Amino acid sequence: MDSKKPRCPKCSTEMSKITRHGVTIDKCMKCKGLWLDKGEMEKLLKLGK
């Protein structure tokens, strides 16, 4: 299993995993970019309804 952290597609900094409302997303602490895996956007949108 590959344990490397994903890198930000914008600035290439290692991204950190954060969990909000039960959804884990990747966040770049340098440029503040967010990366959502398949289905995570839909989960977050459902929370807003």
Protein backbone atom coordinates (compact mmCIF):
# COMPACT_ATOMS: atom_id res chain seq x y z
CA MET A 1 0.00 0.00 0.00
CA ASP A 2 1.30 3.47 -0.92
CA SER A 3 1.38 5.67 2.19
CA LYS A 4 2.53 8.85 0.42
CA LYS A 5 0.35 11.88 0.97
CA PRO A 6 -1.21 13.31 -2.18
CA ARG A 7 0.32 16.47 -3.58
CA CYS A 8 -1.61 19.60 -4.44
CA PRO A 9 -2.21 19.84 -8.21
CA LYS A 10 -1.71 23.63 -8.03
CA CYS A 11 1.45 24.08 -5.93
CA SER A 12 2.78 20.51 -5.38
CA THR A 13 2.73 20.79 -1.56
CA GLU A 14 1.76 17.69 0.43
CA MET A 15 -1.93 17.82 1.26
CA SER A 16 -3.42 17.09 4.69
CA LYS A 17 -6.59 15.12 5.33
CA ILE A 18 -9.33 16.95 7.23
CA THR A 19 -12.76 15.69 8.21
CA ARG A 20 -15.83 17.92 8.21
CA HIS A 21 -19.29 16.58 8.98
CA GLY A 22 -18.10 13.02 8.44
CA VAL A 23 -16.53 13.72 5.02
CA THR A 24 -12.74 13.44 4.70
CA ILE A 25 -11.19 15.79 2.15
CA ASP A 26 -7.62 16.69 1.19
CA LYS A 27 -6.54 20.27 1.88
CA CYS A 28 -3.41 22.11 0.85
CA MET A 29 -2.20 24.17 3.79
CA LYS A 30 -0.09 26.38 1.50
CA CYS A 31 -2.56 27.54 -1.17
CA LYS A 32 -5.72 26.42 0.71
CA GLY A 33 -6.90 24.30 -2.24
CA LEU A 34 -9.32 21.43 -1.59
CA TRP A 35 -9.49 18.04 -3.30
CA LEU A 36 -12.64 15.93 -3.09
CA ASP A 37 -12.81 12.25 -3.95
CA LYS A 38 -15.71 10.74 -5.87
CA GLY A 39 -19.00 11.22 -4.03
CA GLU A 40 -17.69 13.65 -1.41
CA MET A 41 -19.16 16.77 -3.05
CA GLU A 42 -22.58 15.14 -3.14
CA LYS A 43 -22.32 14.28 0.57
CA LEU A 44 -21.44 17.87 1.43
CA LEU A 45 -24.25 19.25 -0.74
CA LYS A 46 -26.77 17.00 0.99
CA LEU A 47 -25.69 18.45 4.35
CA GLY A 48 -26.54 21.94 3.10
CA LYS A 49 -30.15 21.09 2.31
